[in-house]
C-alpha cells in the first residue's frame, strides 16, 4: 500500500511502508521521515 506525503517543495510523493527518505523543512534542515504501516512517523 502506498502512502502519499508531501516533500519539502509541497509536492506529493508516493512511498512504500518501510521506506525512509529525507526532505528539507522550511528552515532548510533535512528531516528524515520513516513510513511505517502507511503512517508518517518523524
Protein backbone atom coordinates (compact mmCIF):
# COMPACT_ATOMS: atom_id res chain seq x y z
CA UNK A 1 0.00 0.00 0.00
CA UNK A 2 1.31 3.40 -0.97
CA UNK A 3 1.29 6.45 1.27
CA UNK A 4 1.18 9.98 -0.07
CA UNK A 5 3.31 12.52 1.76
CA UNK A 6 4.48 15.96 0.79
CA UNK A 7 8.15 16.67 0.23
CA UNK A 8 9.89 19.94 1.06
CA UNK A 9 8.54 21.54 -2.11
CA UNK A 10 4.93 20.70 -1.27
CA UNK A 11 4.89 18.01 -3.94
CA UNK A 12 3.10 14.76 -3.13
CA UNK A 13 5.31 11.69 -3.32
CA UNK A 14 4.35 8.04 -3.14
CA UNK A 15 6.31 5.85 -0.76
CA UNK A 16 6.08 2.26 0.37
CA UNK A 17 5.72 1.34 4.04
CA UNK A 18 9.20 0.91 5.49
CA UNK A 19 10.76 3.48 3.16
CA UNK A 20 12.90 6.24 4.63
CA UNK A 21 13.64 9.47 2.82
CA UNK A 22 14.85 12.98 3.56
CA UNK A 23 13.47 16.34 2.58
CA UNK A 24 14.32 19.90 3.69
CA UNK A 25 12.00 21.78 6.01
CA UNK A 26 11.28 25.48 5.73
CA UNK A 27 14.31 26.04 7.99
CA UNK A 28 16.45 24.14 5.43
CA UNK A 29 17.22 21.40 7.93
CA UNK A 30 16.78 17.94 6.43
CA UNK A 31 14.18 15.79 8.12
CA UNK A 32 14.19 12.02 7.93
CA UNK A 33 10.74 10.54 7.60
CA UNK A 34 10.08 6.85 8.02
CA UNK A 35 6.91 5.31 6.69
CA UNK A 36 5.56 2.52 8.86
CA UNK A 37 2.23 0.76 8.29
CA UNK A 38 1.15 3.57 5.98
CA UNK A 39 1.64 6.24 8.64
CA UNK A 40 4.20 9.02 8.67
CA UNK A 41 6.47 8.93 11.71
CA UNK A 42 9.03 11.70 12.11
